C-alpha atoms as a PDB file:
ATOM      1  CA  MET A   1      98.756 109.729 127.800  1.00  0.00           C
ATOM      2  CA  ILE A   2     101.538 107.738 129.500  1.00  0.00           C
ATOM      3  CA  LEU A   3     104.214 109.904 127.801  1.00  0.00           C
ATOM      4  CA  ILE A   4     102.550 113.022 129.267  1.00  0.00           C
ATOM      5  CA  VAL A   5     102.516 111.563 132.709  1.00  0.00           C
ATOM      6  CA  VAL A   6     106.132 110.497 132.383  1.00  0.00           C
ATOM      7  CA  GLY A   7     107.037 113.953 130.999  1.00  0.00           C
ATOM      8  CA  LEU A   8     105.439 115.702 133.976  1.00  0.00           C
ATOM      9  CA  ALA A   9     107.171 113.309 136.371  1.00  0.00           C
ATOM     10  CA  LEU A  10     110.516 113.969 134.759  1.00  0.00           C
ATOM     11  CA  ALA A  11     110.077 117.662 134.765  1.00  0.00           C
ATOM     12  CA  TRP A  12     109.201 117.473 138.510  1.00  0.00           C
ATOM     13  CA  ALA A  13     112.339 115.328 139.258  1.00  0.00           C
ATOM     14  CA  ILE A  14     114.672 117.580 137.246  1.00  0.00           C
ATOM     15  CA  THR A  15     113.293 120.730 138.970  1.00  0.00           C
ATOM     16  CA  TYR A  16     113.457 119.225 142.435  1.00  0.00           C
ATOM     17  CA  LEU A  17     116.922 117.643 142.080  1.00  0.00           C
ATOM     18  CA  THR A  18     118.385 120.835 140.697  1.00  0.00           C
ATOM     19  CA  GLY A  19     117.357 122.839 143.854  1.00  0.00           C
ATOM     20  CA  GLY A  20     113.726 123.830 143.333  1.00  0.00           C
ATOM     21  CA  THR A  21     111.838 126.686 141.617  1.00  0.00           C
ATOM     22  CA  HIS A  22     114.436 129.326 142.313  1.00  0.00           C
ATOM     23  CA  ARG A  23     116.437 127.662 139.423  1.00  0.00           C
ATOM     24  CA  ALA A  24     115.497 127.955 135.779  1.00  0.00           C
ATOM     25  CA  PHE A  25     114.511 124.313 135.399  1.00  0.00           C
ATOM     26  CA  PRO A  26     110.734 124.763 136.061  1.00  0.00           C
ATOM     27  CA  HIS A  27     110.726 125.613 132.266  1.00  0.00           C
ATOM     28  CA  THR A  28     110.930 121.815 131.585  1.00  0.00           C
ATOM     29  CA  PHE A  29     107.224 121.630 132.421  1.00  0.00           C
ATOM     30  CA  TYR A  30     106.496 123.399 129.190  1.00  0.00           C
ATOM     31  CA  VAL A  31     107.634 120.255 127.255  1.00  0.00           C
ATOM     32  CA  PRO A  32     104.837 117.910 128.402  1.00  0.00           C
ATOM     33  CA  VAL A  33     102.311 120.853 128.256  1.00  0.00           C
ATOM     34  CA  ILE A  34     103.158 121.558 124.595  1.00  0.00           C
ATOM     35  CA  PHE A  35     103.283 117.952 123.676  1.00  0.00           C
ATOM     36  CA  ALA A  36      99.772 117.245 125.171  1.00  0.00           C
ATOM     37  CA  ALA A  37      98.479 120.426 123.407  1.00  0.00           C
ATOM     38  CA  TYR A  38      99.716 119.084 120.090  1.00  0.00           C
ATOM     39  CA  ARG A  39      98.481 115.548 120.694  1.00  0.00           C
ATOM     40  CA  PHE A  40      95.083 116.353 122.220  1.00  0.00           C
ATOM     41  CA  GLY A  41      94.295 119.987 121.265  1.00  0.00           C
ATOM     42  CA  ALA A  42      93.214 122.761 123.712  1.00  0.00           C
ATOM     43  CA  SER A  43      91.654 120.399 126.177  1.00  0.00           C
ATOM     44  CA  GLY A  44      94.781 118.356 126.485  1.00  0.00           C
ATOM     45  CA  GLY A  45      96.918 121.518 126.886  1.00  0.00           C
ATOM     46  CA  LEU A  46      94.612 122.936 129.499  1.00  0.00           C
ATOM     47  CA  LEU A  47      94.480 119.717 131.534  1.00  0.00           C
ATOM     48  CA  THR A  48      98.307 119.194 131.357  1.00  0.00           C
ATOM     49  CA  GLY A  49      98.921 122.826 132.211  1.00  0.00           C
ATOM     50  CA  GLY A  50      96.748 122.479 135.302  1.00  0.00           C
ATOM     51  CA  LEU A  51      98.659 119.328 136.344  1.00  0.00           C
ATOM     52  CA  ALA A  52     101.920 121.166 135.755  1.00  0.00           C
ATOM     53  CA  MET A  53     100.568 124.096 137.887  1.00  0.00           C
ATOM     54  CA  ILE A  54     100.104 121.659 140.882  1.00  0.00           C
ATOM     55  CA  ALA A  55     103.297 119.772 140.333  1.00  0.00           C
ATOM     56  CA  CYS A  56     105.318 122.927 140.111  1.00  0.00           C
ATOM     57  CA  GLY A  57     103.238 124.705 142.816  1.00  0.00           C
ATOM     58  CA  PRO A  58     102.230 123.147 146.148  1.00  0.00           C
ATOM     59  CA  LEU A  59     104.260 120.015 145.347  1.00  0.00           C
ATOM     60  CA  MET A  60     107.513 121.907 144.615  1.00  0.00           C
ATOM     61  CA  PRO A  61     109.537 123.971 147.155  1.00  0.00           C
ATOM     62  CA  LEU A  62     111.292 127.197 146.309  1.00  0.00           C
ATOM     63  CA  ASP A  63     114.504 125.749 147.650  1.00  0.00           C
ATOM     64  CA  ALA A  64     114.764 122.004 147.863  1.00  0.00           C
ATOM     65  CA  ASP A  65     117.939 122.093 149.944  1.00  0.00           C
ATOM     66  CA  THR A  66     116.400 124.026 152.769  1.00  0.00           C
ATOM     67  CA  GLY A  67     112.791 122.996 152.353  1.00  0.00           C
ATOM     68  CA  GLN A  68     111.684 126.692 151.912  1.00  0.00           C
ATOM     69  CA  ALA A  69     108.306 126.757 150.277  1.00  0.00           C
ATOM     70  CA  GLN A  70     107.591 129.110 147.460  1.00  0.00           C
ATOM     71  CA  SER A  71     104.866 131.658 147.805  1.00  0.00           C
ATOM     72  CA  VAL A  72     101.251 131.086 146.521  1.00  0.00           C
ATOM     73  CA  GLN A  73     101.580 134.006 144.193  1.00  0.00           C
ATOM     74  CA  ASN A  74     104.674 132.549 142.568  1.00  0.00           C
ATOM     75  CA  TRP A  75     103.145 129.159 141.764  1.00  0.00           C
ATOM     76  CA  VAL A  76      99.835 130.609 140.687  1.00  0.00           C
ATOM     77  CA  SER A  77     101.443 133.086 138.310  1.00  0.00           C
ATOM     78  CA  ARG A  78     103.672 130.356 136.926  1.00  0.00           C
ATOM     79  CA  GLY A  79     100.763 127.958 136.658  1.00  0.00           C
ATOM     80  CA  ALA A  80      98.760 130.558 134.770  1.00  0.00           C
ATOM     81  CA  PHE A  81     101.569 130.565 132.157  1.00  0.00           C
ATOM     82  CA  PHE A  82     101.436 126.766 131.906  1.00  0.00           C
ATOM     83  CA  VAL A  83      97.658 126.808 131.372  1.00  0.00           C
ATOM     84  CA  THR A  84      97.704 129.742 128.909  1.00  0.00           C
ATOM     85  CA  ILE A  85     100.609 128.078 126.862  1.00  0.00           C
ATOM     86  CA  GLY A  86      98.529 124.808 126.814  1.00  0.00           C
ATOM     87  CA  LEU A  87      95.402 126.633 125.527  1.00  0.00           C
ATOM     88  CA  ILE A  88      97.181 128.599 122.852  1.00  0.00           C
ATOM     89  CA  SER A  89      99.264 125.704 121.642  1.00  0.00           C
ATOM     90  CA  GLY A  90      96.345 123.410 121.689  1.00  0.00           C
ATOM     91  CA  GLY A  91      94.132 125.788 119.690  1.00  0.00           C
ATOM     92  CA  GLY A  92      96.943 126.284 117.155  1.00  0.00           C
ATOM     93  CA  ALA A  93      97.596 122.553 116.867  1.00  0.00           C
ATOM     94  CA  THR A  94      93.811 121.889 116.283  1.00  0.00           C
ATOM     95  CA  ILE A  95      93.783 124.491 113.413  1.00  0.00           C
ATOM     96  CA  LEU A  96      97.001 122.967 111.953  1.00  0.00           C
ATOM     97  CA  HIS A  97      95.580 119.400 112.103  1.00  0.00           C
ATOM     98  CA  ASP A  98      92.264 120.444 110.491  1.00  0.00           C
ATOM     99  CA  ARG A  99      94.133 122.150 107.666  1.00  0.00           C
ATOM    100  CA  LEU A 100      96.396 119.122 107.171  1.00  0.00           C
ATOM    101  CA  ARG A 101      93.284 116.853 107.078  1.00  0.00           C
ATOM    102  CA  ARG A 102      91.582 119.186 104.517  1.00  0.00           C
ATOM    103  CA  SER A 103      94.744 119.243 102.422  1.00  0.00           C
ATOM    104  CA  GLU A 104      94.980 115.407 102.564  1.00  0.00           C
ATOM    105  CA  ARG A 105      91.366 115.033 101.506  1.00  0.00           C
ATOM    106  CA  LEU A 106      91.815 117.513  98.666  1.00  0.00           C
ATOM    107  CA  HIS A 107      95.010 115.587  97.599  1.00  0.00           C
ATOM    108  CA  GLU A 108      93.153 112.308  97.690  1.00  0.00           C
ATOM    109  CA  ASP A 109      90.091 113.574  95.793  1.00  0.00           C
ATOM    110  CA  ALA A 110      92.304 115.023  93.119  1.00  0.00           C
ATOM    111  CA  VAL A 111      94.046 111.647  92.645  1.00  0.00           C
ATOM    112  CA  LEU A 112      90.742 109.785  92.615  1.00  0.00           C
ATOM    113  CA  ALA A 113      89.360 112.196  90.021  1.00  0.00           C
ATOM    114  CA  PHE A 114      92.443 111.627  87.909  1.00  0.00           C
ATOM    115  CA  VAL A 115      92.303 107.824  88.219  1.00  0.00           C
ATOM    116  CA  LYS A 116      88.584 107.760  87.393  1.00  0.00           C
ATOM    117  CA  THR A 117      89.348 109.840  84.219  1.00  0.00           C
ATOM    118  CA  ILE A 118      91.912 107.169  83.143  1.00  0.00           C
ATOM    119  CA  ASP A 119      89.642 104.219  83.984  1.00  0.00           C
ATOM    120  CA  ALA A 120      86.801 105.899  82.086  1.00  0.00           C
ATOM    121  CA  LYS A 121      88.879 105.614  78.921  1.00  0.00           C
ATOM    122  CA  SER A 122      87.283 102.154  78.640  1.00  0.00           C
ATOM    123  CA  PRO A 123      83.712 101.259  79.732  1.00  0.00           C
ATOM    124  CA  TYR A 124      85.182  97.902  80.782  1.00  0.00           C
ATOM    125  CA  THR A 125      87.616  99.368  83.412  1.00  0.00           C
ATOM    126  CA  ALA A 126      85.398 101.843  85.293  1.00  0.00           C
ATOM    127  CA  ARG A 127      86.406 101.797  88.996  1.00  0.00           C
ATOM    128  CA  HIS A 128      88.995  99.208  88.227  1.00  0.00           C
ATOM    129  CA  SER A 129      91.769 100.960  90.095  1.00  0.00           C
ATOM    130  CA  GLU A 130      89.540 101.706  93.105  1.00  0.00           C
ATOM    131  CA  ARG A 131      88.627  98.009  93.410  1.00  0.00           C
ATOM    132  CA  VAL A 132      92.194  96.900  93.017  1.00  0.00           C
ATOM    133  CA  SER A 133      93.261  99.399  95.692  1.00  0.00           C
ATOM    134  CA  GLU A 134      90.661  98.076  98.054  1.00  0.00           C
ATOM    135  CA  LEU A 135      91.478  94.479  97.564  1.00  0.00           C
ATOM    136  CA  ALA A 136      95.240  95.041  97.640  1.00  0.00           C
ATOM    137  CA  THR A 137      94.962  96.983 100.896  1.00  0.00           C
ATOM    138  CA  ALA A 138      92.922  94.126 102.388  1.00  0.00           C
ATOM    139  CA  ILE A 139      95.530  91.647 101.319  1.00  0.00           C
ATOM    140  CA  ALA A 140      98.246  93.712 102.881  1.00  0.00           C
ATOM    141  CA  ARG A 141      96.261  93.804 106.123  1.00  0.00           C
ATOM    142  CA  GLU A 142      95.652  90.179 106.029  1.00  0.00           C
ATOM    143  CA  MET A 143      99.368  89.650 105.826  1.00  0.00           C
ATOM    144  CA  ASN A 144      99.767  91.817 108.957  1.00  0.00           C
ATOM    145  CA  LEU A 145     101.891  94.456 107.258  1.00  0.00           C
ATOM    146  CA  ASP A 146     102.254  97.653 109.138  1.00  0.00           C
ATOM    147  CA  GLN A 147      99.708 100.487 108.700  1.00  0.00           C
ATOM    148  CA  GLY A 148     102.193 102.665 106.803  1.00  0.00           C
ATOM    149  CA  TYR A 149     102.947  99.988 104.261  1.00  0.00           C
ATOM    150  CA  CYS A 150      99.181  99.194 103.823  1.00  0.00           C
ATOM    151  CA  GLU A 151      98.728 102.928 103.006  1.00  0.00           C
ATOM    152  CA  ARG A 152     101.515 102.773 100.505  1.00  0.00           C
ATOM    153  CA  ILE A 153      99.862  99.694  98.832  1.00  0.00           C
ATOM    154  CA  ARG A 154      96.540 101.606  98.690  1.00  0.00           C
ATOM    155  CA  TRP A 155      98.051 104.525  96.790  1.00  0.00           C
ATOM    156  CA  ALA A 156     100.288 102.457  94.587  1.00  0.00           C
ATOM    157  CA  ALA A 157      97.162 100.412  93.540  1.00  0.00           C
ATOM    158  CA  LEU A 158      95.267 103.544  92.743  1.00  0.00           C
ATOM    159  CA  LEU A 159      98.113 104.763  90.488  1.00  0.00           C
ATOM    160  CA  HIS A 160      99.175 101.381  88.961  1.00  0.00           C
ATOM    161  CA  ASP A 161      97.421 101.984  85.646  1.00  0.00           C
ATOM    162  CA  VAL A 162      98.028 105.639  85.057  1.00  0.00           C
ATOM    163  CA  GLY A 163     100.333 104.571  82.213  1.00  0.00           C
ATOM    164  CA  LYS A 164      97.341 103.529  80.181  1.00  0.00           C
ATOM    165  CA  LEU A 165      96.758 107.229  79.636  1.00  0.00           C
ATOM    166  CA  TRP A 166      99.400 107.012  76.879  1.00  0.00           C
ATOM    167  CA  ILE A 167      97.839 103.987  75.152  1.00  0.00           C
ATOM    168  CA  PRO A 168      95.354 104.801  72.348  1.00  0.00           C
ATOM    169  CA  ASP A 169      91.731 104.025  73.043  1.00  0.00           C
ATOM    170  CA  ASN A 170      91.438 101.795  69.929  1.00  0.00           C
ATOM    171  CA  VAL A 171      94.024  99.544  71.416  1.00  0.00           C
ATOM    172  CA  LEU A 172      92.682  99.587  74.945  1.00  0.00           C
ATOM    173  CA  ASN A 173      89.113  98.786  73.672  1.00  0.00           C
ATOM    174  CA  LYS A 174      89.984  96.482  70.718  1.00  0.00           C
ATOM    175  CA  GLN A 175      87.440  93.695  70.393  1.00  0.00           C
ATOM    176  CA  GLY A 176      89.743  91.246  68.603  1.00  0.00           C
ATOM    177  CA  PRO A 177      93.268  89.814  69.268  1.00  0.00           C
ATOM    178  CA  LEU A 178      96.031  92.414  69.644  1.00  0.00           C
ATOM    179  CA  SER A 179      98.843  92.666  66.981  1.00  0.00           C
ATOM    180  CA  MET A 180     102.457  92.420  68.093  1.00  0.00           C
ATOM    181  CA  ASP A 181     102.785  96.171  67.974  1.00  0.00           C
ATOM    182  CA  GLU A 182      99.597  96.742  69.956  1.00  0.00           C
ATOM    183  CA  TRP A 183     100.648  94.210  72.617  1.00  0.00           C
ATOM    184  CA  GLU A 184     103.963  95.935  72.870  1.00  0.00           C
ATOM    185  CA  LEU A 185     102.115  99.180  73.600  1.00  0.00           C
ATOM    186  CA  ILE A 186     100.219  97.488  76.326  1.00  0.00           C
ATOM    187  CA  ARG A 187     103.353  96.071  77.847  1.00  0.00           C
ATOM    188  CA  GLN A 188     104.719  99.596  78.157  1.00  0.00           C
ATOM    189  CA  HIS A 189     102.103 100.878  80.590  1.00  0.00           C
ATOM    190  CA  PRO A 190     103.804  99.770  83.822  1.00  0.00           C
ATOM    191  CA  ILE A 191     106.922 101.761  82.663  1.00  0.00           C
ATOM    192  CA  ARG A 192     104.718 104.751  81.799  1.00  0.00           C
ATOM    193  CA  SER A 193     103.057 104.436  85.277  1.00  0.00           C
ATOM    194  CA  GLU A 194     106.416 104.383  86.952  1.00  0.00           C
ATOM    195  CA  GLU A 195     107.546 107.442  84.936  1.00  0.00           C
ATOM    196  CA  PHE A 196     104.455 109.313  86.074  1.00  0.00           C
ATOM    197  CA  VAL A 197     104.770 108.578  89.810  1.00  0.00           C
ATOM    198  CA  LYS A 198     108.463 109.163  89.721  1.00  0.00           C
ATOM    199  CA  SER A 199     107.831 112.742  88.378  1.00  0.00           C
ATOM    200  CA  ILE A 200     105.821 113.658  91.573  1.00  0.00           C
ATOM    201  CA  GLU A 201     107.819 113.764  94.754  1.00  0.00           C
ATOM    202  CA  ASP A 202     105.001 112.584  96.981  1.00  0.00           C
ATOM    203  CA  PHE A 203     104.509 109.456  94.745  1.00  0.00           C
ATOM    204  CA  ARG A 204     108.088 108.323  94.259  1.00  0.00           C
ATOM    205  CA  GLU A 205     108.009 105.583  96.918  1.00  0.00           C
ATOM    206  CA  TYR A 206     105.338 103.848  94.811  1.00  0.00           C
ATOM    207  CA  GLN A 207     107.385 103.597  91.585  1.00  0.00           C
ATOM    208  CA  GLN A 208     108.892 100.091  91.932  1.00  0.00           C
ATOM    209  CA  ASP A 209     105.342  98.667  92.937  1.00  0.00           C
ATOM    210  CA  VAL A 210     103.555 100.217  89.964  1.00  0.00           C
ATOM    211  CA  ARG A 211     106.402  99.210  87.617  1.00  0.00           C
ATOM    212  CA  GLY A 212     106.430  95.507  88.819  1.00  0.00           C
ATOM    213  CA  HIS A 213     102.658  94.754  88.952  1.00  0.00           C
ATOM    214  CA  HIS A 214     102.841  92.597  85.766  1.00  0.00           C
ATOM    215  CA  GLU A 215     105.940  90.652  86.837  1.00  0.00           C
ATOM    216  CA  ARG A 216     105.292  87.046  87.361  1.00  0.00           C
ATOM    217  CA  TYR A 217     106.616  84.969  90.288  1.00  0.00           C
ATOM    218  CA  ASP A 218     108.357  82.549  87.961  1.00  0.00           C
ATOM    219  CA  GLY A 219     110.166  85.306  86.185  1.00  0.00           C
ATOM    220  CA  THR A 220     108.204  85.369  82.893  1.00  0.00           C
ATOM    221  CA  GLY A 221     106.424  88.604  83.395  1.00  0.00           C
ATOM    222  CA  TYR A 222     107.131  92.153  82.319  1.00  0.00           C
ATOM    223  CA  PRO A 223     108.828  94.668  81.917  1.00  0.00           C
ATOM    224  CA  ASP A 224     111.878  93.388  83.783  1.00  0.00           C
ATOM    225  CA  GLY A 225     111.406  89.557  84.026  1.00  0.00           C
ATOM    226  CA  LEU A 226     111.901  89.553  87.848  1.00  0.00           C
ATOM    227  CA  SER A 227     111.044  86.526  89.744  1.00  0.00           C
ATOM    228  CA  GLY A 228     110.287  85.522  93.418  1.00  0.00           C
ATOM    229  CA  SER A 229     111.314  87.882  96.146  1.00  0.00           C
ATOM    230  CA  ALA A 230     113.255  90.033  93.565  1.00  0.00           C
ATOM    231  CA  ILE A 231     109.808  91.440  92.781  1.00  0.00           C
ATOM    232  CA  PRO A 232     108.929  94.151  95.391  1.00  0.00           C
ATOM    233  CA  CYS A 233     106.367  92.900  97.848  1.00  0.00           C
ATOM    234  CA  GLY A 234     103.872  95.713  96.898  1.00  0.00           C
ATOM    235  CA  ALA A 235     104.101  94.694  93.291  1.00  0.00           C
ATOM    236  CA  ARG A 236     103.355  91.124  94.155  1.00  0.00           C
ATOM    237  CA  ILE A 237     100.300  92.165  96.081  1.00  0.00           C
ATOM    238  CA  LEU A 238      99.079  94.332  93.233  1.00  0.00           C
ATOM    239  CA  ALA A 239      99.599  91.468  90.816  1.00  0.00           C
ATOM    240  CA  VAL A 240      97.174  89.275  92.701  1.00  0.00           C
ATOM    241  CA  ALA A 241      94.621  91.964  93.300  1.00  0.00           C
ATOM    242  CA  ASP A 242      94.846  93.286  89.737  1.00  0.00           C
ATOM    243  CA  ALA A 243      94.471  89.812  88.193  1.00  0.00           C
ATOM    244  CA  PHE A 244      91.424  89.003  90.398  1.00  0.00           C
ATOM    245  CA  GLU A 245      89.725  92.288  89.429  1.00  0.00           C
ATOM    246  CA  ALA A 246      90.491  91.895  85.729  1.00  0.00           C
ATOM    247  CA  MET A 247      89.283  88.220  85.694  1.00  0.00           C
ATOM    248  CA  THR A 248      85.983  89.081  87.285  1.00  0.00           C
ATOM    249  CA  SER A 249      85.337  92.067  84.947  1.00  0.00           C
ATOM    250  CA  ALA A 250      83.888  91.854  81.527  1.00  0.00           C
ATOM    251  CA  ARG A 251      86.255  92.684  78.711  1.00  0.00           C
ATOM    252  CA  PRO A 252      85.659  93.467  74.987  1.00  0.00           C
ATOM    253  CA  TYR A 253      86.942  89.941  74.203  1.00  0.00           C
ATOM    254  CA  ARG A 254      85.454  87.888  76.972  1.00  0.00           C
ATOM    255  CA  PRO A 255      82.789  87.908  79.805  1.00  0.00           C
ATOM    256  CA  GLY A 256      83.936  88.205  83.471  1.00  0.00           C
ATOM    257  CA  LEU A 257      84.474  85.042  85.503  1.00  0.00           C
ATOM    258  CA  SER A 258      82.424  84.355  88.640  1.00  0.00           C
ATOM    259  CA  TYR A 259      84.480  85.104  91.736  1.00  0.00           C
ATOM    260  CA  ARG A 260      84.614  81.408  92.474  1.00  0.00           C
ATOM    261  CA  ASP A 261      86.267  80.645  89.163  1.00  0.00           C
ATOM    262  CA  ALA A 262      88.630  83.641  89.517  1.00  0.00           C
ATOM    263  CA  LEU A 263      89.771  82.330  92.977  1.00  0.00           C
ATOM    264  CA  ALA A 264      90.308  78.830  91.479  1.00  0.00           C
ATOM    265  CA  GLU A 265      92.360  80.547  88.664  1.00  0.00           C
ATOM    266  CA  LEU A 266      94.510  82.233  91.273  1.00  0.00           C
ATOM    267  CA  GLU A 267      94.952  78.990  93.120  1.00  0.00           C
ATOM    268  CA  ALA A 268      96.019  77.187  89.964  1.00  0.00           C
ATOM    269  CA  ASN A 269      98.684  79.806  89.291  1.00  0.00           C
ATOM    270  CA  ARG A 270     100.266  79.839  92.714  1.00  0.00           C
ATOM    271  CA  GLY A 271     104.030  79.677  92.464  1.00  0.00           C
ATOM    272  CA  THR A 272     104.052  80.380  88.707  1.00  0.00           C
ATOM    273  CA  GLN A 273     102.342  83.697  88.095  1.00  0.00           C
ATOM    274  CA  PHE A 274     101.586  84.733  91.763  1.00  0.00           C
ATOM    275  CA  ASP A 275     103.247  84.586  95.115  1.00  0.00           C
ATOM    276  CA  PRO A 276     101.721  81.540  96.904  1.00  0.00           C
ATOM    277  CA  GLN A 277     101.321  83.281 100.282  1.00  0.00           C
ATOM    278  CA  LEU A 278      99.524  86.219  98.766  1.00  0.00           C
ATOM    279  CA  VAL A 279      97.155  84.111  96.822  1.00  0.00           C
ATOM    280  CA  ARG A 280      96.087  82.399 100.083  1.00  0.00           C
ATOM    281  CA  ALA A 281      95.786  85.757 101.765  1.00  0.00           C
ATOM    282  CA  CYS A 282      93.544  87.005  98.844  1.00  0.00           C
ATOM    283  CA  ILE A 283      91.370  83.930  99.161  1.00  0.00           C
ATOM    284  CA  ARG A 284      91.069  84.468 102.939  1.00  0.00           C
ATOM    285  CA  VAL A 285      90.061  88.055 102.396  1.00  0.00           C
ATOM    286  CA  ILE A 286      87.368  87.278  99.758  1.00  0.00           C
ATOM    287  CA  GLN A 287      85.925  84.268 101.734  1.00  0.00           C
ATOM    288  CA  THR A 288      86.045  85.586 105.226  1.00  0.00           C
ATOM    289  CA  HIS A 289      86.010  89.447 105.086  1.00  0.00           C
ATOM    290  CA  PRO A 290      83.831  90.329 102.119  1.00  0.00           C
ATOM    291  CA  GLN A 291      82.139  93.052 104.149  1.00  0.00           C
ATOM    292  CA  HIS A 292      85.289  95.095 103.998  1.00  0.00           C
ATOM    293  CA  LEU A 293      85.173  95.271 100.196  1.00  0.00           C
ATOM    294  CA  TYR A 294      82.943  98.110  99.662  1.00  0.00           C
ATOM    295  CA  TYR A 295      83.402  98.591  95.947  1.00  0.00           C
ATOM    296  CA  TRP A 296      82.700  94.904  95.210  1.00  0.00           C
ATOM    297  CA  HIS A 297      79.234  94.838  96.728  1.00  0.00           C
ATOM    298  CA  ASP A 298      77.451  95.980  93.522  1.00  0.00           C
ATOM    299  CA  ARG A 299      78.803  93.021  91.573  1.00  0.00           C
ATOM    300  CA  TYR A 300      79.230  90.143  93.926  1.00  0.00           C
ATOM    301  CA  SER A 301      77.251  88.233  96.550  1.00  0.00           C
ATOM    302  CA  ILE A 302      79.902  86.218  98.361  1.00  0.00           C
ATOM    303  CA  SER A 303      78.422  83.105  99.962  1.00  0.00           C
ATOM    304  CA  PRO A 304      80.013  80.234 102.035  1.00  0.00           C
ATOM    305  CA  GLU A 305      78.962  77.546  99.491  1.00  0.00           C
ATOM    306  CA  SER A 306      81.202  79.262  96.812  1.00  0.00           C
ATOM    307  CA  ARG A 307      84.387  78.636  98.903  1.00  0.00           C
ATOM    308  CA  VAL A 308      87.667  77.588  97.309  1.00  0.00           C
ATOM    309  CA  ASP A 309      89.495  75.214  99.720  1.00  0.00           C
END
């Protein structure tokens, strides 16, 4: 709103200082009118068009040097154009915004459907990616990362395990220990995930995060053996969220841990497997903001007596 007021004031100043409405500069009023229409729709365009009509009407002379006033007919007709442009632009902007929102919802629904299909390859990983995404985003917000980066983390987390689509079900769901060859297949899934997101233009910014979500802070992870700050921040966040979700979920070879035990495990691996700051952020999220973790409510009752300090 401040930008619109400033825009109207600048348009008035430019028009007045260049001699009044007998010059071409009254057209500068269209800039704040169209901006308001885009930002606030038809109502914003209408209101700003009306204000422009006043500023470029009774408040503006025909000739600023002589003080000659413009006729009422002139400023009313000009103001009618301002109002009309505001209404038309605002209506068009509203339609455009609605279509963009529908497109974004369709895009997100398609990705979620794809992710659920991948998670459904194993009964033990149902909704895994959604829970990791939710927790990872909450950790990013707890670290006061900007909204755009938090959104990037959300999408990277949803897509971090798409590489498992290339792993045979009998390996993913194996009850006993994995053979060396099977373990090597498992270790390939971050690379496969990166290849997938890299193949889609809209997802390319997530590729380093999904590739690095199994790197360890001490450099003993995979696939690249990165350590410390060399691991992308998003990948370090995913590592914590992914590990917590995995530890608290039942697997073919073990039962799930309680959330208290899982938090203690994260704490025990600060500085070796996980970024210490991100572990503390995860613990704060779980202990102080459980109401924000929608997908966890069906499995956990988070109580103050279960805190890890």
